[in-house]
Protein backbone atom coordinates (compact mmCIF):
# COMPACT_ATOMS: atom_id res chain seq x y z
CA MET A 1 -3.91 27.25 -35.21
CA ALA A 2 -1.51 24.47 -36.25
CA ASP A 3 0.56 27.03 -38.14
CA ASP A 4 1.18 29.16 -35.05
CA PRO A 5 5.00 29.47 -34.77
CA GLU A 6 4.93 29.52 -30.98
CA ILE A 7 3.11 26.19 -30.77
CA VAL A 8 5.39 24.65 -33.37
CA SER A 9 8.48 25.83 -31.50
CA ASP A 10 7.12 24.48 -28.19
CA VAL A 11 6.44 21.09 -29.77
CA LEU A 12 9.89 20.95 -31.34
CA PHE A 13 11.49 21.93 -28.02
CA ALA A 14 9.57 19.16 -26.22
CA VAL A 15 10.63 16.59 -28.82
CA ALA A 16 14.25 17.71 -28.50
CA ASN A 17 14.08 17.28 -24.72
CA VAL A 18 12.64 13.77 -25.04
CA LEU A 19 15.33 12.79 -27.57
CA SER A 20 18.03 14.22 -25.32
CA ILE A 21 16.84 12.16 -22.35
CA ALA A 22 16.54 9.07 -24.56
CA ARG A 23 20.14 9.54 -25.66
CA THR A 24 21.26 9.86 -22.05
CA THR A 25 19.46 6.66 -21.01
CA TYR A 26 20.99 4.89 -24.02
CA LEU A 27 24.47 5.74 -22.70
CA MET A 28 23.76 4.90 -19.04
CA PRO A 29 24.52 1.14 -19.13
CA ALA A 30 28.07 1.94 -20.26
CA PHE A 31 28.81 3.41 -16.82
CA GLU A 32 28.74 1.14 -13.78
CA VAL A 33 27.22 3.73 -11.43
CA LEU A 34 24.60 4.99 -13.88
CA GLY A 35 23.45 1.48 -14.82
CA THR A 36 21.70 1.12 -11.45
CA LEU A 37 20.20 4.58 -11.94
CA GLN A 38 18.68 3.42 -15.20
CA ILE A 39 17.05 0.45 -13.47
CA SER A 40 15.53 2.79 -10.89
CA LEU A 41 14.40 5.16 -13.63
CA VAL A 42 12.63 2.40 -15.58
CA ARG A 43 10.83 1.19 -12.46
CA MET A 44 9.82 4.76 -11.56
CA ILE A 45 8.43 5.34 -15.06
CA GLY A 46 6.36 2.16 -14.68
CA ASP A 47 4.96 3.42 -11.37
CA ILE A 48 4.16 6.81 -12.88
CA ALA A 49 2.39 5.13 -15.81
CA ARG A 50 0.25 3.07 -13.43
CA PHE A 51 -0.60 6.20 -11.44
CA ILE A 52 -1.62 8.08 -14.59
CA VAL A 53 -3.89 5.21 -15.66
CA LEU A 54 -5.57 5.05 -12.24
CA PHE A 55 -5.86 8.84 -12.04
CA THR A 56 -7.46 8.95 -15.49
CA LEU A 57 -9.93 6.24 -14.54
CA VAL A 58 -10.89 8.07 -11.37
CA CYS A 59 -11.30 11.35 -13.27
CA ILE A 60 -13.60 9.64 -15.77
CA ILE A 61 -15.61 7.49 -13.35
CA ILE A 62 -16.38 10.03 -10.61
CA PRO A 63 -18.13 12.55 -12.89
CA SER A 64 -20.01 9.68 -14.53
CA VAL A 65 -21.31 8.49 -11.16
CA ILE A 66 -22.26 12.02 -10.09
CA LEU A 67 -24.27 12.58 -13.29
CA LEU A 68 -26.26 9.37 -12.77
């Protein structure tokens, strides 16, 4: 399954997208307008991370409570 060319190409495409976005955020502070965008982006990523943690906890806890 790990040798499936379609999965490998999807993974490589995803990594390329992440690296492309990382390169863009690396260049943002050089521009006055985009510097504030980077600050907003970092704060938004923090909020999304907190949401994912809470969502994961809820998805784990609710089935556990139902099974008890």
